[in-house]
Amino acid sequence: MRRAIATVAALASVLLLGACSSPTPGPSTTAAPVTMSAPQQVQRPVIKAGAEHPNFVFVLADDYAMNLVKHMPQLQKMQVDGRTMNKHFVVNSLCCPSRSSIFTGRYPHSTGVFTNAGTDGGISGFHHYGDQKHCFAVAMQKAGYRTAFMGKYLNGYIPQTMKPEPGWDEWVTGGGGGYAELGYTLNENGVPRHYGHRPQDYMVDVLSRKAAGFIRDTAPTGQPFMLEVATYAPHDPYVPPKRYVGTMAHVPYPRTPAWNATVQDAPKWLRGHYPLTSREKAEIRRDWERRLEADLAIDDLIGNLRKQVAASGIERDTYVVFTSDNGLHMGEYRLTPGKETAFDTDVQVPLVVTGPRVPAGTSTDLMSSSIDIAPTFLDLSGVGTDPKADGVSAAPLWLGQQPKHWQQAVLLEHHHRQGVPGDPDLQNKRGADPPGYAAVRTKDSLYVRYADGEQEYYDLRHDPYELHDRVKAGVPSNLVRALHRLTTCSGRAQCQAAARLG
């Protein structure tokens, strides 16, 4: 975020003029291999876990859409025991930029990370702009927390050659091979370890065991901890564990009015999409079944970690948080499975939290986004929020409050991705390959401005499935102003002022 304000302003300027550009590109498109080493020992104060310094268990799923929630009993139990954010959105519907924003509390125009690879994405972009220094784990570790990261980090991380990232005491992280869930390598505190194809090697289960072990071993020390477990599931190729294969074959895909439908007055990139073919429908049915079965493993992980928290006697001092890096469309708007659009299928994701002072069985319709997660962790941990982050602490929402002057808009940012070989999220026009855009999402509207100058506007009060582009009837001026302010904002105060309509 401390790269020149001129860079931010320039990016906003070209978006509003209809040309999408990136921040200054990094020196290379692939992170250079480095000498392997264990996480560095960090000097920190001694603090005691408790009300002032609670523990955190943060589970981040990959490509987890809203329509999966009702098929996960452990997640539903979290909703009964905790609080659900009904209007939670990611600021970019693509893995790496979304995760970069979750780590730092900054919009993509502040992190510089817009894609999964190339000159403006992946771990090379994250490092080029120094974003790793702004990860919430760095501040929490320095304040006295014991930190652990397990699972999928950022695209381009190579577990065989790269070192652990700063801020994490425990580091158990995979690379691109993790999507297969079997036959992968994990970097375990600087040492690569290969896992095979036995049932017990299934990655979600391995992460579940290691994370539970971290909780079990850390709790007796009295030191507060931050544990993030980031699964590769249910990302394509949708690999379930053997115990669940075939168990969800009877569950049909939840078709909404947007499924296999056209958008009236759609922008150019979306026009002309023909109806889904019989083959495409069959592939969606198969993929949906496998996604559900892979999600059951994530559900087991949630249940296992909550059980370990209770068994360790730290339930009253521990927040458990579940969310996703982005959603996924599967046939909506005649698009084959993919993401990257500004539609709710791609940008709205679950966020459920349990823990101290969280009112059970409640929910809120106030808006929050992925840039609010890091500030919330820092706030609730007692570390203190970073005023240079773009997001705001959502602690009032998590704890059941209804702030009067809360944010009313979320910025969505997307760059047209560079076709870098090996990107697991490469998709063609059939899956959705929109041009770059900036968009503003409010509780009842979506306004999108594309790099080519086209615009979209949906009135969600009368069109909740985003099927009627009303841009020809005119875009409300407050949305146009909000989009301009958000794309040029920097820091908490400026970005939160921009997120209030007026």
Protein backbone atom coordinates (compact mmCIF):
# COMPACT_ATOMS: atom_id res chain seq x y z
CA MET A 1 0.00 0.00 0.00
CA ARG A 2 2.97 2.27 0.42
CA ARG A 3 3.87 2.11 -3.27
CA ALA A 4 3.31 5.59 -4.68
CA ILE A 5 -0.16 7.11 -4.41
CA ALA A 6 0.35 8.09 -8.01
CA THR A 7 0.23 4.40 -8.94
CA VAL A 8 -3.15 4.02 -7.27
CA ALA A 9 -4.50 7.16 -8.87
CA ALA A 10 -3.18 6.12 -12.26
CA LEU A 11 -4.88 2.74 -12.03
CA ALA A 12 -8.19 4.33 -11.07
CA SER A 13 -7.83 6.86 -13.82
CA VAL A 14 -7.38 4.30 -16.58
CA LEU A 15 -10.26 2.19 -15.27
CA LEU A 16 -12.59 5.15 -15.38
CA LEU A 17 -11.35 6.09 -18.82
CA GLY A 18 -11.90 2.56 -20.11
CA ALA A 19 -8.36 1.20 -20.15
CA CYS A 20 -7.20 -1.28 -17.54
CA SER A 21 -3.57 -1.23 -16.46
CA SER A 22 -1.42 -2.89 -13.81
CA PRO A 23 0.86 -1.40 -11.19
CA THR A 24 4.54 -1.42 -12.12
CA PRO A 25 5.38 -5.01 -13.07
CA GLY A 26 7.72 -7.11 -10.99
CA PRO A 27 11.11 -8.23 -12.19
CA SER A 28 9.97 -11.70 -13.23
CA THR A 29 6.90 -13.85 -13.70
CA THR A 30 8.15 -16.67 -11.49
CA ALA A 31 9.41 -16.43 -7.93
CA ALA A 32 13.09 -17.39 -7.85
CA PRO A 33 14.06 -20.49 -5.85
CA VAL A 34 15.71 -19.71 -2.54
CA THR A 35 17.64 -21.63 0.06
CA MET A 36 15.40 -23.76 2.24
CA SER A 37 15.19 -22.78 5.88
CA ALA A 38 12.90 -23.12 8.86
CA PRO A 39 10.81 -20.16 10.06
CA GLN A 40 12.96 -17.59 11.82
CA GLN A 41 12.73 -17.34 15.59
CA VAL A 42 11.16 -14.01 16.48
CA GLN A 43 11.66 -12.18 19.76
CA ARG A 44 8.27 -11.29 21.19
CA PRO A 45 6.62 -10.34 24.47
CA VAL A 46 5.11 -13.04 26.66
CA ILE A 47 1.33 -12.73 26.68
CA LYS A 48 -1.38 -14.98 28.07
CA ALA A 49 -4.27 -16.39 26.06
CA GLY A 50 -7.63 -15.24 27.34
CA ALA A 51 -10.24 -12.53 26.92
CA GLU A 52 -7.69 -9.88 25.91
CA HIS A 53 -5.71 -12.18 23.62
CA PRO A 54 -8.05 -14.90 22.27
CA ASN A 55 -7.02 -17.73 19.96
CA PHE A 56 -8.05 -17.94 16.29
CA VAL A 57 -8.74 -20.94 14.07
CA PHE A 58 -9.23 -19.65 10.53
CA VAL A 59 -10.42 -22.11 7.86
CA LEU A 60 -10.21 -20.81 4.28
CA ALA A 61 -11.71 -22.99 1.53
CA ASP A 62 -10.88 -22.65 -2.17
CA ASP A 63 -13.64 -21.79 -4.69
CA TYR A 64 -16.32 -22.43 -2.07
CA ALA A 65 -19.71 -21.13 -3.27
CA MET A 66 -22.76 -20.15 -1.22
CA ASN A 67 -24.82 -23.07 -2.53
CA LEU A 68 -22.60 -25.57 -0.69
CA VAL A 69 -23.41 -24.45 2.86
CA LYS A 70 -26.61 -26.45 3.33
CA HIS A 71 -24.76 -29.69 2.55
CA MET A 72 -22.19 -29.29 5.36
CA PRO A 73 -23.59 -30.27 8.78
CA GLN A 74 -20.55 -29.11 10.78
CA LEU A 75 -20.65 -25.70 9.11
CA GLN A 76 -24.37 -25.51 9.81
CA LYS A 77 -23.61 -26.32 13.43
CA MET A 78 -21.22 -23.36 13.42
CA GLN A 79 -24.12 -21.21 12.26
CA VAL A 80 -26.25 -22.49 15.14
CA ASP A 81 -23.46 -21.84 17.62
CA GLY A 82 -22.28 -18.56 16.10
CA ARG A 83 -22.98 -15.73 13.70
CA THR A 84 -23.32 -15.61 9.91
CA MET A 85 -22.42 -12.63 7.71
CA ASN A 86 -25.15 -12.75 5.06
CA LYS A 87 -23.59 -10.02 2.92
CA HIS A 88 -19.92 -10.91 2.80
CA PHE A 89 -18.01 -10.39 -0.45
CA VAL A 90 -14.52 -10.92 -1.82
CA VAL A 91 -12.85 -7.96 -3.52
CA ASN A 92 -11.60 -10.09 -6.41
CA SER A 93 -13.13 -13.39 -7.52
CA LEU A 94 -9.81 -15.13 -8.17
CA CYS A 95 -7.60 -17.10 -5.78
CA CYS A 96 -4.33 -15.18 -5.52
CA PRO A 97 -5.57 -11.57 -5.48
CA SER A 98 -8.33 -12.55 -3.07
CA ARG A 99 -5.90 -14.27 -0.69
CA SER A 100 -3.49 -11.33 -0.90
CA SER A 101 -6.30 -9.02 0.21
CA ILE A 102 -7.30 -11.40 3.02
CA PHE A 103 -3.71 -11.50 4.31
CA THR A 104 -3.18 -7.73 4.21
CA GLY A 105 -6.57 -6.03 4.53
CA ARG A 106 -5.81 -4.13 1.31
CA TYR A 107 -7.64 -3.81 -2.00
CA PRO A 108 -5.89 -5.23 -5.09
CA HIS A 109 -5.05 -1.68 -6.21
CA SER A 110 -3.04 -1.42 -2.99
CA THR A 111 -1.43 -4.89 -2.97
CA GLY A 112 -0.64 -4.79 -6.71
CA VAL A 113 -1.83 -8.42 -6.97
CA PHE A 114 -4.62 -8.83 -9.55
CA THR A 115 -3.97 -12.26 -11.05
CA ASN A 116 -2.52 -15.69 -10.25
CA ALA A 117 0.70 -15.35 -12.21
CA GLY A 118 2.63 -13.10 -14.53
CA THR A 119 3.69 -9.52 -13.90
CA ASP A 120 0.75 -8.57 -11.68
CA GLY A 121 -0.01 -11.72 -9.73
CA GLY A 122 0.97 -14.82 -7.83
CA ILE A 123 3.59 -14.99 -5.15
CA SER A 124 6.06 -13.08 -7.35
CA GLY A 125 3.73 -10.07 -7.40
CA PHE A 126 3.04 -10.44 -3.67
CA HIS A 127 6.77 -10.35 -2.96
CA HIS A 128 7.56 -7.64 -5.51
CA TYR A 129 5.25 -5.19 -3.73
CA GLY A 130 6.35 -6.28 -0.24
CA ASP A 131 2.88 -7.43 0.73
CA GLN A 132 4.22 -10.24 2.91
CA LYS A 133 5.35 -7.59 5.41
CA HIS A 134 1.73 -6.50 5.89
CA CYS A 135 0.23 -9.95 6.56
CA PHE A 136 -1.78 -10.05 9.80
CA ALA A 137 0.42 -12.91 11.02
CA VAL A 138 3.50 -10.67 11.12
CA ALA A 139 1.87 -8.22 13.53
CA MET A 140 0.32 -10.97 15.65
CA GLN A 141 3.60 -12.88 15.91
CA LYS A 142 5.46 -9.76 17.01
CA ALA A 143 2.78 -9.10 19.62
CA GLY A 144 3.32 -12.51 21.22
CA TYR A 145 1.06 -14.89 19.30
CA ARG A 146 2.18 -18.31 18.14
CA THR A 147 1.22 -18.56 14.47
CA ALA A 148 0.73 -21.45 12.06
CA PHE A 149 -0.12 -21.64 8.38
CA MET A 150 -1.18 -24.92 6.81
CA GLY A 151 -2.30 -25.64 3.26
CA LYS A 152 -2.53 -23.53 0.14
CA TYR A 153 -0.66 -20.23 0.26
CA LEU A 154 -0.31 -18.33 -3.02
CA ASN A 155 0.02 -19.50 -6.61
CA GLY A 156 3.65 -19.97 -7.59
CA TYR A 157 4.85 -21.18 -4.20
CA ILE A 158 7.23 -24.12 -4.72
CA PRO A 159 7.49 -26.26 -1.57
CA GLN A 160 10.62 -28.08 -2.73
CA THR A 161 12.73 -24.92 -3.07
CA MET A 162 11.10 -21.95 -1.35
CA LYS A 163 11.41 -20.98 2.29
CA PRO A 164 8.59 -20.33 4.79
CA GLU A 165 7.02 -16.88 4.66
CA PRO A 166 7.53 -14.27 7.41
CA GLY A 167 5.08 -14.17 10.30
CA TRP A 168 4.53 -17.90 10.71
CA ASP A 169 6.06 -20.05 13.45
CA GLU A 170 4.71 -23.26 11.92
CA TRP A 171 4.69 -23.63 8.16
CA VAL A 172 3.07 -26.61 6.38
CA THR A 173 2.45 -25.48 2.84
CA GLY A 174 1.94 -27.03 -0.59
CA GLY A 175 2.35 -26.02 -4.20
CA GLY A 176 0.46 -26.61 -7.43
CA GLY A 177 0.40 -30.36 -6.86
CA GLY A 178 -1.97 -29.87 -3.95
CA TYR A 179 -5.03 -29.57 -6.18
CA ALA A 180 -4.88 -33.33 -6.80
CA GLU A 181 -5.16 -33.94 -3.00
CA LEU A 182 -2.87 -36.98 -3.40
CA GLY A 183 0.73 -37.35 -4.60
CA TYR A 184 1.84 -33.85 -3.49
CA THR A 185 4.69 -32.27 -1.54
CA LEU A 186 4.41 -30.08 1.56
CA ASN A 187 7.07 -27.72 2.84
CA GLU A 188 7.07 -28.55 6.56
CA ASN A 189 9.05 -25.83 8.36
CA GLY A 190 11.62 -25.65 5.59
CA VAL A 191 11.81 -29.38 4.85
CA PRO A 192 9.97 -30.82 1.81
CA ARG A 193 7.95 -33.95 2.52
CA HIS A 194 6.20 -35.98 -0.16
CA TYR A 195 2.82 -37.62 0.37
CA GLY A 196 1.59 -40.51 -1.74
CA HIS A 197 -1.76 -41.94 -2.78
CA ARG A 198 -2.88 -43.80 0.32
CA PRO A 199 -6.24 -42.80 1.82
CA GLN A 200 -4.44 -41.28 4.82
CA ASP A 201 -2.45 -39.04 2.45
CA TYR A 202 -5.56 -37.16 1.33
CA MET A 203 -4.51 -33.55 1.87
CA VAL A 204 -7.57 -32.17 3.69
CA ASP A 205 -7.23 -34.99 6.22
CA VAL A 206 -3.48 -34.42 6.60
CA LEU A 207 -4.11 -30.73 7.27
CA SER A 208 -6.85 -31.63 9.73
CA ARG A 209 -4.53 -33.89 11.73
CA LYS A 210 -1.65 -31.43 11.74
CA ALA A 211 -3.86 -28.48 12.69
CA ALA A 212 -5.49 -30.42 15.53
CA GLY A 213 -2.00 -31.35 16.72
CA PHE A 214 -0.95 -27.71 16.70
CA ILE A 215 -3.98 -26.79 18.85
CA ARG A 216 -3.38 -29.71 21.21
CA ASP A 217 0.30 -28.85 21.69
CA THR A 218 -0.07 -25.07 21.94
CA ALA A 219 -3.09 -24.81 24.25
CA PRO A 220 -1.29 -26.07 27.41
CA THR A 221 1.43 -23.42 27.03
CA GLY A 222 -1.05 -20.62 27.61
CA GLN A 223 0.34 -18.72 24.62
CA PRO A 224 -2.40 -17.37 22.32
CA PHE A 225 -2.32 -18.67 18.78
CA MET A 226 -3.40 -17.82 15.25
CA LEU A 227 -3.92 -20.91 13.09
CA GLU A 228 -4.90 -20.64 9.41
CA VAL A 229 -5.85 -23.81 7.54
CA ALA A 230 -6.31 -23.16 3.81
CA THR A 231 -7.64 -26.14 1.88
CA TYR A 232 -7.22 -26.73 -1.84
CA ALA A 233 -10.68 -28.34 -1.90
CA PRO A 234 -13.17 -27.92 -3.43
CA HIS A 235 -11.14 -26.42 -6.31
CA ASP A 236 -11.06 -28.17 -9.69
CA PRO A 237 -10.35 -31.10 -10.31
CA TYR A 238 -12.76 -31.66 -7.40
CA VAL A 239 -11.09 -34.67 -5.81
CA PRO A 240 -13.04 -36.18 -2.87
CA PRO A 241 -11.61 -38.62 -0.32
CA LYS A 242 -12.28 -42.27 -1.00
CA ARG A 243 -14.78 -42.54 1.88
CA TYR A 244 -17.14 -40.05 0.22
CA VAL A 245 -16.88 -41.06 -3.44
CA GLY A 246 -20.38 -41.59 -4.84
CA THR A 247 -22.20 -40.49 -1.69
CA MET A 248 -23.69 -37.31 -3.19
CA ALA A 249 -24.79 -38.64 -6.57
CA HIS A 250 -28.44 -38.10 -5.66
CA VAL A 251 -28.10 -34.36 -5.00
CA PRO A 252 -29.12 -32.20 -8.00
CA TYR A 253 -27.41 -28.93 -8.78
CA PRO A 254 -29.44 -26.04 -7.24
CA ARG A 255 -30.60 -24.23 -10.35
CA THR A 256 -31.64 -20.61 -9.85
CA PRO A 257 -33.38 -18.45 -12.49
CA ALA A 258 -29.87 -17.48 -13.67
CA TRP A 259 -29.00 -21.06 -14.63
CA ASN A 260 -28.62 -21.44 -18.41
CA ALA A 261 -30.22 -18.00 -18.80
CA THR A 262 -29.23 -14.96 -20.80
CA VAL A 263 -28.74 -11.47 -19.42
CA GLN A 264 -30.93 -8.85 -21.02
CA ASP A 265 -28.76 -6.15 -22.65
CA ALA A 266 -25.62 -8.00 -21.57
CA PRO A 267 -22.17 -6.49 -22.15
CA LYS A 268 -20.23 -7.65 -25.21
CA TRP A 269 -18.15 -10.28 -23.44
CA LEU A 270 -21.30 -12.06 -22.26
CA ARG A 271 -23.43 -11.71 -25.39
CA GLY A 272 -23.96 -14.60 -27.78
CA HIS A 273 -23.46 -17.41 -25.29
CA TYR A 274 -25.43 -20.39 -26.56
CA PRO A 275 -27.41 -22.64 -24.19
CA LEU A 276 -25.49 -25.29 -22.28
CA THR A 277 -25.07 -28.46 -24.28
CA SER A 278 -26.08 -31.89 -23.01
CA ARG A 279 -22.42 -32.70 -22.50
CA GLU A 280 -21.81 -29.50 -20.52
CA LYS A 281 -24.84 -30.20 -18.33
CA ALA A 282 -23.55 -33.70 -17.64
CA GLU A 283 -20.10 -32.33 -16.75
CA ILE A 284 -21.69 -29.83 -14.34
CA ARG A 285 -23.64 -32.64 -12.66
CA ARG A 286 -20.46 -34.67 -12.28
CA ASP A 287 -18.42 -31.70 -11.02
CA TRP A 288 -21.15 -30.71 -8.56
CA GLU A 289 -21.26 -34.22 -7.13
CA ARG A 290 -17.49 -34.29 -6.65
CA ARG A 291 -17.46 -30.78 -5.16
CA LEU A 292 -20.02 -31.84 -2.58
CA GLU A 293 -18.03 -34.95 -1.70
CA ALA A 294 -14.81 -32.93 -1.36
CA ASP A 295 -16.65 -30.43 0.84
CA LEU A 296 -17.61 -33.22 3.23
CA ALA A 297 -13.90 -33.60 3.96
CA ILE A 298 -13.70 -29.87 4.76
CA ASP A 299 -16.73 -30.33 6.98
CA ASP A 300 -14.91 -33.12 8.80
CA LEU A 301 -11.93 -30.79 9.24
CA ILE A 302 -14.14 -28.10 10.79
CA GLY A 303 -15.68 -30.62 13.17
CA ASN A 304 -12.29 -32.06 14.11
CA LEU A 305 -10.75 -28.66 14.88
CA ARG A 306 -13.72 -27.51 16.93
CA LYS A 307 -13.64 -30.79 18.83
CA GLN A 308 -9.94 -30.30 19.57
CA VAL A 309 -10.55 -26.74 20.76
CA ALA A 310 -13.19 -28.04 23.18
CA ALA A 311 -11.02 -30.95 24.32
CA SER A 312 -8.16 -28.53 25.03
CA GLY A 313 -10.39 -26.46 27.29
CA ILE A 314 -9.99 -23.24 25.31
CA GLU A 315 -13.43 -22.98 23.68
CA ARG A 316 -14.34 -19.81 25.62
CA ASP A 317 -11.21 -18.05 24.40
CA THR A 318 -11.12 -19.21 20.77
CA TYR A 319 -12.69 -17.81 17.61
CA VAL A 320 -13.33 -20.26 14.78
CA VAL A 321 -13.86 -18.58 11.42
CA PHE A 322 -14.84 -20.11 8.08
CA THR A 323 -14.89 -18.41 4.69
CA SER A 324 -13.70 -18.78 1.07
CA ASP A 325 -11.42 -16.92 -1.33
CA ASN A 326 -14.14 -16.73 -4.01
CA GLY A 327 -17.30 -18.40 -5.26
CA LEU A 328 -17.95 -20.31 -8.48
CA HIS A 329 -20.56 -20.25 -11.21
CA MET A 330 -21.65 -23.58 -12.70
CA GLY A 331 -24.06 -22.98 -15.57
CA GLU A 332 -25.38 -19.60 -14.46
CA TYR A 333 -25.59 -17.09 -17.33
CA ARG A 334 -24.81 -20.00 -19.71
CA LEU A 335 -21.24 -20.10 -18.40
CA THR A 336 -19.43 -23.35 -17.74
CA PRO A 337 -17.75 -23.68 -14.30
CA GLY A 338 -15.52 -20.71 -13.53
CA LYS A 339 -15.22 -17.38 -11.73
CA GLU A 340 -13.83 -13.84 -12.25
CA THR A 341 -17.18 -12.16 -12.92
CA ALA A 342 -18.79 -9.52 -10.69
CA PHE A 343 -21.95 -11.64 -10.33
CA ASP A 344 -22.87 -12.79 -6.83
CA THR A 345 -22.18 -16.40 -7.81
CA ASP A 346 -18.48 -15.46 -7.88
CA VAL A 347 -18.05 -12.66 -5.33
CA GLN A 348 -20.45 -13.51 -2.48
CA VAL A 349 -19.07 -16.14 -0.09
CA PRO A 350 -19.98 -17.47 3.35
CA LEU A 351 -18.43 -16.08 6.50
CA VAL A 352 -19.36 -17.84 9.74
CA VAL A 353 -17.76 -17.20 13.13
CA THR A 354 -18.05 -18.73 16.59
CA GLY A 355 -16.28 -17.67 19.74
CA PRO A 356 -16.29 -15.42 22.79
CA ARG A 357 -19.12 -12.87 22.87
CA VAL A 358 -20.40 -14.03 19.46
CA PRO A 359 -24.21 -14.33 19.77
CA ALA A 360 -25.32 -17.84 18.85
CA GLY A 361 -27.75 -18.50 16.04
CA THR A 362 -27.67 -14.96 14.68
CA SER A 363 -26.83 -13.27 11.39
CA THR A 364 -26.43 -9.79 9.95
CA ASP A 365 -27.18 -8.20 6.59
CA LEU A 366 -24.62 -5.42 7.06
CA MET A 367 -21.90 -5.55 4.42
CA SER A 368 -18.39 -6.85 4.96
CA SER A 369 -15.62 -7.93 2.62
CA SER A 370 -12.40 -9.88 2.48
CA ILE A 371 -10.29 -6.78 3.27
CA ASP A 372 -12.03 -6.60 6.66
CA ILE A 373 -10.76 -9.99 7.86
CA ALA A 374 -7.17 -9.01 8.72
CA PRO A 375 -8.21 -5.82 10.57
CA THR A 376 -10.76 -7.87 12.55
CA PHE A 377 -8.13 -10.40 13.64
CA LEU A 378 -5.79 -7.61 14.72
CA ASP A 379 -8.57 -5.81 16.57
CA LEU A 380 -9.95 -8.81 18.46
CA SER A 381 -6.44 -10.04 19.32
CA GLY A 382 -5.60 -6.78 21.03
CA VAL A 383 -2.77 -6.11 18.59
CA GLY A 384 -4.49 -3.02 17.16
CA THR A 385 -5.58 -2.33 13.60
CA ASP A 386 -3.38 -0.99 10.81
CA PRO A 387 -4.66 2.45 9.70
CA LYS A 388 -2.89 1.99 6.37
CA ALA A 389 -5.01 -1.07 5.58
CA ASP A 390 -8.03 -0.35 3.38
CA GLY A 391 -10.40 -2.55 5.38
CA VAL A 392 -12.07 -1.97 8.72
CA SER A 393 -12.47 -4.22 11.76
CA ALA A 394 -15.74 -6.13 11.46
CA ALA A 395 -15.60 -7.02 15.18
CA PRO A 396 -18.83 -5.09 15.86
CA LEU A 397 -20.62 -7.27 13.30
CA TRP A 398 -19.08 -10.50 14.61
CA LEU A 399 -20.08 -9.60 18.17
CA GLY A 400 -23.71 -8.87 17.34
CA GLN A 401 -23.72 -5.10 17.14
CA GLN A 402 -25.52 -3.02 14.49
CA PRO A 403 -23.32 0.06 13.91
CA LYS A 404 -25.32 3.02 12.58
CA HIS A 405 -22.63 4.38 10.28
CA TRP A 406 -21.37 1.20 8.65
CA GLN A 407 -19.93 0.75 5.16
CA GLN A 408 -22.53 0.58 2.42
CA ALA A 409 -20.42 -0.50 -0.55
CA VAL A 410 -17.66 -2.93 -1.48
CA LEU A 411 -15.21 -2.43 -4.34
CA LEU A 412 -14.61 -5.35 -6.72
CA GLU A 413 -11.49 -5.23 -8.91
CA HIS A 414 -10.42 -7.50 -11.75
CA HIS A 415 -7.71 -7.51 -14.39
CA HIS A 416 -7.95 -9.53 -17.58
CA ARG A 417 -5.49 -12.30 -16.81
CA GLN A 418 -2.31 -13.00 -18.67
CA GLY A 419 -2.31 -16.45 -20.25
CA VAL A 420 0.52 -17.87 -18.18
CA PRO A 421 0.95 -21.65 -18.64
CA GLY A 422 0.33 -23.63 -15.50
CA ASP A 423 -2.26 -21.26 -14.04
CA PRO A 424 -4.86 -23.65 -12.53
CA ASP A 425 -7.61 -21.08 -13.13
CA LEU A 426 -7.12 -20.41 -16.82
CA GLN A 427 -10.52 -20.32 -18.49
CA ASN A 428 -11.82 -19.43 -21.91
CA LYS A 429 -14.80 -17.33 -22.92
CA ARG A 430 -17.15 -20.25 -22.36
CA GLY A 431 -16.28 -20.32 -18.67
CA ALA A 432 -16.06 -16.50 -18.38
CA ASP A 433 -13.18 -14.40 -19.58
CA PRO A 434 -14.32 -10.83 -18.93
CA PRO A 435 -12.16 -7.79 -19.62
CA GLY A 436 -10.74 -5.91 -16.67
CA TYR A 437 -13.26 -4.05 -14.56
CA ALA A 438 -13.94 -2.15 -11.38
CA ALA A 439 -17.32 -2.56 -9.73
CA VAL A 440 -19.21 -1.42 -6.68
CA ARG A 441 -21.60 -3.76 -4.85
CA THR A 442 -24.13 -2.36 -2.39
CA LYS A 443 -26.91 -4.17 -0.54
CA ASP A 444 -29.31 -3.66 -3.45
CA SER A 445 -27.25 -2.82 -6.54
CA LEU A 446 -24.26 -3.77 -8.70
CA TYR A 447 -22.50 -1.28 -10.95
CA VAL A 448 -19.63 -2.42 -13.19
CA ARG A 449 -17.33 -0.37 -15.42
CA TYR A 450 -15.15 -2.37 -17.81
CA ALA A 451 -11.75 -1.47 -19.18
CA ASP A 452 -13.25 -1.17 -22.65
CA GLY A 453 -15.70 1.49 -21.45
CA GLU A 454 -18.81 -0.66 -21.22
CA GLN A 455 -20.94 -0.51 -18.11
CA GLU A 456 -23.45 -2.71 -16.29
CA TYR A 457 -26.03 -1.84 -13.67
CA TYR A 458 -28.37 -4.21 -11.82
CA ASP A 459 -31.15 -3.18 -9.44
CA LEU A 460 -31.09 -6.12 -7.06
CA ARG A 461 -34.30 -5.10 -5.30
CA HIS A 462 -36.24 -6.13 -8.39
CA ASP A 463 -33.63 -8.35 -10.05
CA PRO A 464 -31.87 -10.43 -7.35
CA TYR A 465 -30.38 -12.86 -9.89
CA GLU A 466 -28.77 -10.13 -12.00
CA LEU A 467 -30.55 -10.92 -15.26
CA HIS A 468 -31.56 -7.43 -16.47
CA ASP A 469 -28.81 -4.94 -17.19
CA ARG A 470 -30.45 -1.54 -16.67
CA VAL A 471 -27.49 0.64 -17.64
CA LYS A 472 -29.47 2.14 -20.55
CA ALA A 473 -31.95 3.55 -18.06
CA GLY A 474 -29.13 5.35 -16.28
CA VAL A 475 -26.81 4.60 -13.37
CA PRO A 476 -27.53 6.32 -10.05
CA SER A 477 -25.00 9.10 -9.55
CA ASN A 478 -24.10 7.96 -6.03
CA LEU A 479 -22.83 4.64 -7.45
CA VAL A 480 -20.69 6.42 -10.04
CA ARG A 481 -19.21 8.63 -7.32
CA ALA A 482 -18.65 5.67 -5.01
CA LEU A 483 -16.82 3.71 -7.71
CA HIS A 484 -14.52 6.63 -8.42
CA ARG A 485 -13.76 7.21 -4.73
CA LEU A 486 -13.17 3.53 -3.99
CA THR A 487 -10.81 2.97 -6.91
CA THR A 488 -8.69 5.91 -5.75
CA CYS A 489 -8.85 5.31 -1.98
CA SER A 490 -5.86 4.41 0.16
CA GLY A 491 -5.95 3.59 3.86
CA ARG A 492 -8.73 2.86 6.30
CA ALA A 493 -10.11 6.35 6.77
CA GLN A 494 -10.25 7.20 3.08
CA CYS A 495 -11.59 3.84 1.95
CA GLN A 496 -14.26 3.69 4.65
CA ALA A 497 -15.42 7.20 3.78
CA ALA A 498 -15.63 6.13 0.15
CA ALA A 499 -17.67 3.05 1.13
CA ARG A 500 -20.50 5.19 2.52
CA LEU A 501 -22.99 6.32 -0.10
CA GLY A 502 -24.15 9.87 -0.13
